[in-house]
C-alpha cells in the first residue's frame, strides 16, 4: 500500500497542468467579477495615476536656502529706560537673517551690574535697594529689610540661619552667584539669606512700565506692524530645476510697496501681526511672555507643466503650547548682556532678559516628472490586481455558492493516457469520467 502511494506521488511530478476555460452562466458571479474589475480599474486610473501621479519619477531631496530681513521702528517711554527709539539692530536676534530669527517684544533690564558681594534674593518680585560691595572688601554684617527677607525664601538654597549654612565657594542652586560664607539677616529675624559673590545687584524681575499710565502691556507692542521679508531659493537636483519665491521683476519699488496676499503670492513680505493671527494666536498676548511660531513653505511641483505652475504654499502654526500660558514653563525668553568699562578700568554690564517671538522657517517639497519606468511598474501592478480579482471570483464560484460542486467538476478534469492505469476512481468529483486518449 505504501509503495503504491509513493509511486503515485513520484509519477505526479511528471504531470503537466494546463488551463481550462469554463464559461459559467452565473449572473451573480458575473456581476461580481465586473464590479471587481471596475474597482481595480478605477483605483489604478483615479488614485495611482491621477491623484498620486504614478507615471512620474519624484525627487524629495529638496535643497533650500532662506534669508530673512525685518523692518520697523518703535518708540517707547518707560520709567526704567526713559524715552528710547528701537530699530532692527535692537530687537532682532541674530542679526544675520537666518531661517530662525527672534523678535524681542518685552524685556527686563538690570543696569550697572558689577562683580561684587551682595545678598542673594528672590526673583518673583522687584528687588529692593541693594548695595554691592567691592570684590575682596569685607564689611560689617549686613542686614535685610522685610521685603528682602520675604524674597529670599523663593530660592531655597539661599536660606540660612547661621554662617555655617552658607559654605564658602559653593554655588547657589538656581541662584545668581557663589556663597561667601556669611548669612545676612535682620536683627529681629531668625532666618536670613546667604551673601554671594556675583554680578550685583542681582537680576530684577519687574518688566518696564509705560508712561504715563504705567501699563503692563508688552514694551514693543507695536512690533505687530513690523514686516519680515522671507526670501526662499529652492532646487531639485535630480531634475536640475531651481526657483525662488520672489517675483522676477526689474521694478525696484515692487518689494517696497507690496504685501503678501492671494493677489501677490510672489511678494514674501509679511506683517508679524498677520503671521501670528494666521497661526491662531493673539499678538499682544503672545508678545508679553513670548512664544514660537512656525512658518512652513511647501513646494509641490509638477514639472510636466510649465515652471510658472510650480508655486510656494505658506502655512503658519504655533509650535509652543499656547494652552499652557499659566504654566511656569510657558513663553520664550533668554538672557544676554552688554559689557562696558568705566574710567577706572572696572568692567560692568547691563543684563537683559529678553521675551519675544521666535519664528522658525521650514521648507520642504516634492517634484515629479514623467518617466516610463514607474509607469510600466504601476501598470504591471494593476494587471496583477486584475488577476487577483479573477482568483477571488473563482473562490466564490467553486466554494461559496450552492452549485460549487458542479462548477468544480466542470473546471477541473483529469486526462490520462491509455498506457497508465488510473490510480483513482473513474469519476472526478462524481461529475465526469476521464476520457482515455490513446497515442499521447
Protein backbone atom coordinates (compact mmCIF):
# COMPACT_ATOMS: atom_id res chain seq x y z
CA UNK A 1 0.00 0.00 0.00
CA UNK A 2 2.78 2.38 0.90
CA UNK A 3 4.70 1.56 -2.29
CA UNK A 4 1.65 2.39 -4.40
CA UNK A 5 1.28 5.77 -2.65
CA UNK A 6 4.93 6.65 -3.11
CA UNK A 7 4.77 5.53 -6.73
CA UNK A 8 1.72 7.74 -7.36
CA UNK A 9 3.45 10.72 -5.73
CA UNK A 10 6.57 10.16 -7.82
CA UNK A 11 4.64 9.87 -11.08
CA UNK A 12 2.66 13.04 -10.27
CA UNK A 13 5.88 15.00 -10.51
CA UNK A 14 5.80 14.45 -14.26
CA UNK A 15 2.19 15.60 -14.74
CA UNK A 16 1.58 18.75 -16.75
CA UNK A 17 -1.18 21.19 -15.86
CA UNK A 18 -2.77 23.47 -18.43
CA UNK A 19 -5.57 26.00 -18.05
CA UNK A 20 -9.09 25.13 -18.98
CA UNK A 21 -11.51 27.98 -19.57
CA UNK A 22 -15.05 27.37 -18.42
CA UNK A 23 -17.79 29.92 -19.16
CA UNK A 24 -20.06 29.90 -16.12
CA UNK A 25 -23.54 31.17 -16.92
CA UNK A 26 -23.99 32.60 -13.41
CA UNK A 27 -25.17 36.22 -13.32
CA UNK A 28 -24.29 36.81 -9.67
CA UNK A 29 -20.65 35.78 -10.11
CA UNK A 30 -20.52 37.60 -13.45
CA UNK A 31 -21.72 40.87 -11.89
CA UNK A 32 -19.27 40.41 -9.01
CA UNK A 33 -16.41 39.91 -11.49
CA UNK A 34 -17.25 43.10 -13.40
CA UNK A 35 -17.57 45.09 -10.18
CA UNK A 36 -14.14 43.87 -9.05
CA UNK A 37 -12.66 44.74 -12.44
CA UNK A 38 -14.16 48.23 -12.46
CA UNK A 39 -13.00 48.85 -8.88
CA UNK A 40 -9.42 47.87 -9.72
CA UNK A 41 -9.53 49.97 -12.90
CA UNK A 42 -10.88 53.00 -11.00
CA UNK A 43 -8.15 52.58 -8.36
CA UNK A 44 -5.44 52.29 -11.00
CA UNK A 45 -6.57 55.26 -13.07
CA UNK A 46 -8.07 57.52 -10.42
CA UNK A 47 -5.79 57.02 -7.43
CA UNK A 48 -2.50 55.71 -8.82
CA UNK A 49 -2.23 57.82 -11.98
CA UNK A 50 -4.42 60.89 -11.39
CA UNK A 51 -4.05 61.54 -7.64
CA UNK A 52 -0.64 60.03 -6.88
CA UNK A 53 0.78 60.61 -10.38
CA UNK A 54 2.21 57.12 -10.55
CA UNK A 55 3.57 57.82 -14.04
CA UNK A 56 6.14 60.26 -12.61
CA UNK A 57 9.58 59.92 -11.15
CA UNK A 58 9.85 62.01 -7.97
CA UNK A 59 12.56 63.98 -6.18
CA UNK A 60 12.16 64.77 -2.46
CA UNK A 61 15.79 65.79 -1.82
CA UNK A 62 14.95 69.50 -1.82
CA UNK A 63 17.88 71.91 -1.48
CA UNK A 64 16.85 75.19 0.09
CA UNK A 65 18.20 78.45 1.46
CA UNK A 66 16.30 81.04 3.48
CA UNK A 67 17.22 84.69 4.02
CA UNK A 68 15.14 86.91 6.31
CA UNK A 69 15.15 90.66 6.80
CA UNK A 70 12.99 92.64 9.23
CA UNK A 71 11.98 96.28 9.10
CA UNK A 72 10.23 98.56 11.56
CA UNK A 73 10.91 101.08 14.31
CA UNK A 74 9.22 101.69 17.64
CA UNK A 75 9.31 104.45 20.26
CA UNK A 76 8.93 103.71 23.97
CA UNK A 77 8.84 105.79 27.13
CA UNK A 78 9.26 103.78 30.33
CA UNK A 79 10.12 104.60 33.92
CA UNK A 80 13.23 102.39 33.79
CA UNK A 81 14.58 103.17 30.32
CA UNK A 82 13.10 106.60 29.63
CA UNK A 83 12.49 107.65 26.05
CA UNK A 84 14.02 105.29 23.53
CA UNK A 85 13.82 104.51 19.83
CA UNK A 86 14.10 100.82 18.81
CA UNK A 87 15.21 99.66 15.36
CA UNK A 88 16.12 96.27 13.87
CA UNK A 89 19.60 96.33 15.41
CA UNK A 90 17.99 96.45 18.86
CA UNK A 91 15.19 93.87 18.68
CA UNK A 92 16.26 91.26 16.06
CA UNK A 93 18.42 88.34 17.24
CA UNK A 94 20.52 87.10 15.49
CA UNK A 95 21.11 89.93 13.01
CA UNK A 96 22.37 87.65 10.19
CA UNK A 97 18.89 86.93 8.80
CA UNK A 98 18.75 83.14 9.04
CA UNK A 99 15.82 80.73 8.80
CA UNK A 100 15.31 81.07 12.57
CA UNK A 101 15.02 84.59 13.97
CA UNK A 102 13.83 86.15 17.22
CA UNK A 103 11.92 89.41 17.62
CA UNK A 104 12.18 90.90 21.11
CA UNK A 105 8.81 92.24 22.31
CA UNK A 106 9.39 92.61 26.06
CA UNK A 107 12.36 92.71 28.41
CA UNK A 108 13.66 93.10 31.95
CA UNK A 109 16.73 95.33 32.28
CA UNK A 110 19.16 95.22 35.20
CA UNK A 111 21.67 98.03 34.60
CA UNK A 112 25.13 98.68 36.07
CA UNK A 113 25.93 95.21 37.34
CA UNK A 114 29.44 94.80 38.74
CA UNK A 115 31.22 91.79 40.17
CA UNK A 116 30.88 92.25 43.93
CA UNK A 117 29.23 90.75 47.01
CA UNK A 118 25.55 91.24 47.76
CA UNK A 119 22.64 89.27 49.28
CA UNK A 120 21.06 86.51 47.21
CA UNK A 121 17.39 87.43 46.97
CA UNK A 122 14.32 86.01 45.26
CA UNK A 123 13.16 86.58 41.72
CA UNK A 124 9.41 86.77 41.90
CA UNK A 125 9.11 90.48 42.79
CA UNK A 126 11.03 93.61 42.01
CA UNK A 127 14.08 93.94 44.18
CA UNK A 128 14.53 96.33 46.98
CA UNK A 129 17.62 98.52 47.10
CA UNK A 130 20.88 96.61 47.27
CA UNK A 131 24.32 97.97 48.00
CA UNK A 132 27.03 95.85 46.37
CA UNK A 133 30.46 95.83 47.96
CA UNK A 134 33.68 95.66 46.02
CA UNK A 135 35.45 92.38 45.46
CA UNK A 136 37.72 91.41 48.33
CA UNK A 137 36.41 94.10 50.72
CA UNK A 138 34.82 92.73 53.88
CA UNK A 139 32.09 94.79 55.53
CA UNK A 140 30.27 94.59 58.82
CA UNK A 141 27.47 92.02 59.00
CA UNK A 142 24.69 93.27 56.75
CA UNK A 143 21.01 93.31 57.49
CA UNK A 144 17.98 92.51 55.36
CA UNK A 145 14.79 94.51 55.19
CA UNK A 146 11.48 92.71 55.49
CA UNK A 147 10.99 92.78 51.69
CA UNK A 148 14.34 91.14 51.01
CA UNK A 149 13.69 88.59 53.74
CA UNK A 150 10.44 87.56 52.05
CA UNK A 151 12.08 87.30 48.65
CA UNK A 152 14.91 85.11 49.85
CA UNK A 153 12.53 82.24 50.51
CA UNK A 154 11.99 81.90 46.75
CA UNK A 155 15.49 80.40 46.41
CA UNK A 156 15.56 77.54 48.92
CA UNK A 157 19.32 77.02 48.66
CA UNK A 158 19.91 80.64 49.74
CA UNK A 159 18.07 80.27 53.08
CA UNK A 160 20.24 80.28 56.16
CA UNK A 161 20.15 80.55 59.94
CA UNK A 162 23.87 80.88 60.58
CA UNK A 163 27.09 81.34 58.63
CA UNK A 164 27.70 77.58 58.51
CA UNK A 165 24.60 77.26 56.28
CA UNK A 166 26.44 79.20 53.56
CA UNK A 167 29.63 77.21 52.78
CA UNK A 168 32.17 79.47 51.15
CA UNK A 169 32.74 78.78 47.43
CA UNK A 170 29.53 76.77 46.97
CA UNK A 171 27.28 77.88 44.10
CA UNK A 172 23.69 78.74 44.94
CA UNK A 173 21.35 76.25 43.27
CA UNK A 174 19.05 78.19 40.91
CA UNK A 175 20.69 81.35 42.19
CA UNK A 176 22.95 84.12 40.94
CA UNK A 177 26.38 83.51 42.40
CA UNK A 178 28.74 81.76 44.82
CA UNK A 179 28.32 81.80 48.59
CA UNK A 180 30.85 83.81 50.59
CA UNK A 181 30.30 82.07 53.92
CA UNK A 182 28.15 84.81 55.50
CA UNK A 183 24.46 84.65 56.43
CA UNK A 184 22.76 88.03 56.17
CA UNK A 185 19.60 88.58 58.20
CA UNK A 186 17.64 91.21 60.00
CA UNK A 187 18.30 91.80 63.69
CA UNK A 188 14.86 90.61 64.67
CA UNK A 189 14.76 87.70 62.25
CA UNK A 190 15.87 84.13 62.80
CA UNK A 191 16.20 83.23 59.14
CA UNK A 192 18.20 85.16 56.54
CA UNK A 193 19.81 84.76 53.11
CA UNK A 194 23.32 83.93 52.06
CA UNK A 195 25.70 86.58 50.85
CA UNK A 196 27.02 85.78 47.37
CA UNK A 197 29.81 86.81 45.04
CA UNK A 198 28.02 87.69 41.80
CA UNK A 199 27.14 90.38 39.32
CA UNK A 200 25.48 92.82 41.69
CA UNK A 201 22.80 93.96 42.06
CA UNK A 202 21.16 90.66 41.12
CA UNK A 203 18.63 90.46 38.33
CA UNK A 204 15.36 92.36 38.57
CA UNK A 205 12.02 90.70 37.96
CA UNK A 206 9.73 93.60 37.10
CA UNK A 207 9.09 94.42 33.44
CA UNK A 208 9.28 98.07 32.31
CA UNK A 209 6.10 100.14 32.76
CA UNK A 210 4.88 102.51 30.10
CA UNK A 211 4.41 106.17 30.98
CA UNK A 212 2.17 107.92 31.85
CA UNK A 213 -0.25 105.14 32.85
CA UNK A 214 2.32 102.52 33.91
CA UNK A 215 0.51 99.82 31.93
CA UNK A 216 1.77 96.25 31.79
CA UNK A 217 1.41 95.77 28.04
CA UNK A 218 4.49 94.49 26.14
CA UNK A 219 7.26 97.02 25.72
CA UNK A 220 7.31 96.66 21.92
CA UNK A 221 3.58 96.19 21.46
CA UNK A 222 3.83 97.96 18.09
CA UNK A 223 6.01 95.15 16.74
CA UNK A 224 2.91 93.56 15.22
CA UNK A 225 3.21 96.20 12.48
CA UNK A 226 6.82 95.26 11.69
CA UNK A 227 7.44 93.41 8.43
CA UNK A 228 9.64 90.44 7.59
CA UNK A 229 10.97 89.65 4.14
CA UNK A 230 11.46 85.89 3.63
CA UNK A 231 13.46 85.01 0.53
CA UNK A 232 13.49 81.30 -0.27
CA UNK A 233 15.52 79.70 -3.06
CA UNK A 234 14.96 76.02 -3.83
CA UNK A 235 16.49 73.42 -6.15
CA UNK A 236 15.54 69.85 -7.08
CA UNK A 237 18.91 68.30 -8.05
CA UNK A 238 17.52 65.22 -9.84
CA UNK A 239 15.71 67.38 -12.41
CA UNK A 240 18.10 70.36 -12.21
CA UNK A 241 15.17 72.66 -11.52
CA UNK A 242 15.53 75.87 -9.49
CA UNK A 243 13.12 78.57 -8.44
CA UNK A 244 12.65 81.42 -5.95
CA UNK A 245 9.60 82.75 -4.13
CA UNK A 246 10.24 86.34 -5.23
CA UNK A 247 8.72 87.83 -8.38
CA UNK A 248 11.27 88.22 -11.17
CA UNK A 249 10.90 91.92 -11.95
CA UNK A 250 13.08 94.95 -12.64
CA UNK A 251 10.74 97.24 -10.72
CA UNK A 252 12.76 98.28 -7.66
CA UNK A 253 9.71 99.72 -5.90
CA UNK A 254 7.73 96.47 -6.05
CA UNK A 255 9.08 94.96 -2.83
CA UNK A 256 8.84 98.32 -1.06
CA UNK A 257 5.11 98.62 -1.56
CA UNK A 258 3.68 95.09 -1.82
CA UNK A 259 2.48 92.76 0.94
CA UNK A 260 1.85 89.04 0.69
CA UNK A 261 -1.71 88.11 -0.34
CA UNK A 262 -3.51 85.85 -2.79
CA UNK A 263 -3.13 88.66 -5.34
CA UNK A 264 0.63 88.90 -4.67
CA UNK A 265 1.84 85.32 -3.95
CA UNK A 266 5.37 86.23 -5.06
CA UNK A 267 5.73 89.10 -2.60
CA UNK A 268 7.11 87.32 0.51
CA UNK A 269 6.76 90.33 2.82
CA UNK A 270 4.59 89.59 5.86
CA UNK A 271 3.28 91.64 8.78
CA UNK A 272 4.28 89.96 12.04
CA UNK A 273 0.79 90.53 13.40
CA UNK A 274 -0.73 88.71 10.43
CA UNK A 275 1.61 85.74 10.83
CA UNK A 276 0.64 85.31 14.50
CA UNK A 277 -3.04 85.75 13.63
CA UNK A 278 -2.85 83.13 10.85
CA UNK A 279 -1.26 80.80 13.40
CA UNK A 280 -4.37 81.16 15.56
CA UNK A 281 -2.96 83.41 18.33
CA UNK A 282 -3.21 86.98 19.54
CA UNK A 283 -0.03 89.01 19.04
CA UNK A 284 -0.36 91.19 22.18
CA UNK A 285 -0.93 88.19 24.44
CA UNK A 286 1.92 86.27 22.89
CA UNK A 287 4.31 89.25 22.99
CA UNK A 288 4.06 89.57 26.77
CA UNK A 289 5.67 86.22 27.65
CA UNK A 290 6.93 85.08 24.24
CA UNK A 291 6.32 82.02 22.10
CA UNK A 292 7.35 80.14 18.96
CA UNK A 293 5.73 80.40 15.53
CA UNK A 294 6.38 78.00 12.63
CA UNK A 295 6.33 79.26 9.03
CA UNK A 296 6.00 76.35 6.60
CA UNK A 297 6.83 76.82 2.91
CA UNK A 298 5.68 73.91 0.73
CA UNK A 299 6.85 73.35 -2.86
CA UNK A 300 4.89 70.63 -4.71
CA UNK A 301 5.92 70.91 -8.35
CA UNK A 302 4.57 69.03 -11.37
CA UNK A 303 7.43 69.51 -13.84
CA UNK A 304 5.32 68.12 -16.71
CA UNK A 305 3.63 71.51 -16.59
CA UNK A 306 5.10 74.98 -17.14
CA UNK A 307 7.55 76.27 -14.47
CA UNK A 308 5.05 79.03 -13.65
CA UNK A 309 2.75 76.32 -12.23
CA UNK A 310 5.32 75.49 -9.51
CA UNK A 311 4.31 77.88 -6.70
CA UNK A 312 5.09 78.08 -2.98
CA UNK A 313 2.33 77.49 -0.43
CA UNK A 314 2.58 79.04 3.04
CA UNK A 315 1.10 77.78 6.29
CA UNK A 316 1.54 79.06 9.84
CA UNK A 317 1.26 77.35 13.21
CA UNK A 318 2.16 77.96 16.84
CA UNK A 319 4.82 75.48 17.92
CA UNK A 320 4.83 76.02 21.68
CA UNK A 321 1.88 75.02 23.85
CA UNK A 322 -0.44 78.04 23.81
CA UNK A 323 -2.81 76.28 26.24
CA UNK A 324 -0.16 76.27 28.99
CA UNK A 325 0.03 80.06 29.39
CA UNK A 326 -0.33 79.80 33.18
CA UNK A 327 2.37 77.14 33.40
CA UNK A 328 5.77 78.01 34.79
CA UNK A 329 7.30 76.80 31.52
CA UNK A 330 5.15 78.94 29.24
CA UNK A 331 6.55 81.57 26.90
CA UNK A 332 10.00 82.04 25.41
CA UNK A 333 12.87 84.08 26.86
CA UNK A 334 16.63 84.16 27.27
CA UNK A 335 19.31 86.41 28.74
CA UNK A 336 22.19 88.34 27.26
CA UNK A 337 24.41 91.17 28.47
CA UNK A 338 26.13 94.27 27.11
CA UNK A 339 29.53 94.91 28.65
CA UNK A 340 31.27 98.22 29.37
CA UNK A 341 34.35 99.55 31.17
CA UNK A 342 34.45 102.72 33.27
CA UNK A 343 37.21 105.29 33.53
CA UNK A 344 38.86 103.33 36.34
CA UNK A 345 39.08 100.20 34.17
CA UNK A 346 36.38 98.30 36.06
CA UNK A 347 34.05 96.16 33.96
CA UNK A 348 30.32 96.46 34.36
CA UNK A 349 27.34 95.30 32.35
CA UNK A 350 23.67 95.70 31.60
CA UNK A 351 21.79 92.40 31.90
CA UNK A 352 18.77 91.95 29.64
CA UNK A 353 16.19 89.20 29.95
CA UNK A 354 14.50 89.22 26.55
CA UNK A 355 10.96 87.99 25.93
CA UNK A 356 9.74 87.66 22.39
CA UNK A 357 8.56 85.54 19.50
CA UNK A 358 10.84 83.10 17.72
CA UNK A 359 10.00 82.36 14.10
CA UNK A 360 11.13 79.06 12.55
CA UNK A 361 11.01 78.99 8.73
CA UNK A 362 10.76 75.38 7.49
CA UNK A 363 10.89 74.41 3.82
CA UNK A 364 10.01 71.08 2.21
CA UNK A 365 8.62 69.89 -1.07
CA UNK A 366 8.50 67.32 -3.84
CA UNK A 367 8.87 67.45 -7.60
CA UNK A 368 7.62 64.93 -10.18
CA UNK A 369 8.25 64.34 -13.88
CA UNK A 370 7.10 61.67 -16.35
CA UNK A 371 9.25 58.55 -16.51
CA UNK A 372 8.46 55.32 -18.38
CA UNK A 373 9.83 53.03 -15.64
CA UNK A 374 7.35 53.89 -12.83
CA UNK A 375 4.59 53.94 -15.46
CA UNK A 376 5.31 50.34 -16.51
CA UNK A 377 5.67 49.22 -12.88
CA UNK A 378 2.28 50.63 -11.91
CA UNK A 379 0.54 49.21 -15.00
CA UNK A 380 2.03 45.80 -14.18
CA UNK A 381 0.78 46.11 -10.62
CA UNK A 382 -2.69 46.89 -11.96
CA UNK A 383 -2.70 43.82 -14.19
CA UNK A 384 -1.62 41.70 -11.22
CA UNK A 385 -4.57 43.06 -9.27
CA UNK A 386 -6.84 42.08 -12.15
CA UNK A 387 -5.56 38.50 -11.81
CA UNK A 388 -6.18 38.65 -8.06
CA UNK A 389 -9.77 39.74 -8.79
CA UNK A 390 -10.30 36.75 -11.08
CA UNK A 391 -8.87 34.45 -8.39
CA UNK A 392 -11.31 35.88 -5.85
CA UNK A 393 -14.26 35.27 -8.16
CA UNK A 394 -13.03 31.68 -8.72
CA UNK A 395 -13.14 31.11 -4.98
CA UNK A 396 -16.71 32.37 -4.85
CA UNK A 397 -17.76 30.24 -7.84
CA UNK A 398 -16.07 27.00 -6.75
CA UNK A 399 -16.54 27.05 -2.96
CA UNK A 400 -19.10 29.59 -1.74
CA UNK A 401 -22.24 29.22 -3.88
CA UNK A 402 -24.78 26.38 -3.77
CA UNK A 403 -23.71 24.68 -7.03
CA UNK A 404 -19.99 24.87 -6.26
CA UNK A 405 -19.50 21.08 -6.66
CA UNK A 406 -20.97 21.22 -10.16
CA UNK A 407 -18.68 24.06 -11.23
CA UNK A 408 -15.61 22.38 -9.69
CA UNK A 409 -16.37 19.27 -11.72
CA UNK A 410 -16.52 21.30 -14.91
CA UNK A 411 -13.35 23.28 -14.20
CA UNK A 412 -11.01 20.50 -13.01
CA UNK A 413 -10.67 17.46 -15.30
CA UNK A 414 -8.04 14.74 -15.17
CA UNK A 415 -6.92 13.34 -18.55
CA UNK A 416 -4.89 10.10 -18.58
CA UNK A 417 -3.15 8.21 -21.38
CA UNK A 418 -4.04 4.53 -22.13
CA UNK A 419 -0.55 3.41 -21.15
CA UNK A 420 -1.09 4.34 -17.49
CA UNK A 421 -3.59 2.73 -15.18
CA UNK A 422 -5.76 5.00 -13.17
CA UNK A 423 -4.74 5.23 -9.50
CA UNK A 424 -8.09 6.72 -8.57
CA UNK A 425 -11.78 6.11 -9.15
CA UNK A 426 -13.08 6.60 -12.69
CA UNK A 427 -15.12 9.66 -11.70
CA UNK A 428 -13.77 13.03 -10.74
CA UNK A 429 -15.80 14.71 -8.01
CA UNK A 430 -18.68 12.40 -9.09
CA UNK A 431 -19.47 14.51 -12.15
CA UNK A 432 -17.37 13.42 -15.13
CA UNK A 433 -15.36 10.36 -16.08
CA UNK A 434 -11.90 10.71 -17.54
CA UNK A 435 -11.56 10.07 -21.25
CA UNK A 436 -8.62 7.86 -22.19
CA UNK A 437 -6.71 9.30 -25.13
CA UNK A 438 -4.54 6.79 -26.92
CA UNK A 439 -1.34 7.67 -28.61
CA UNK A 440 -0.44 10.63 -26.27
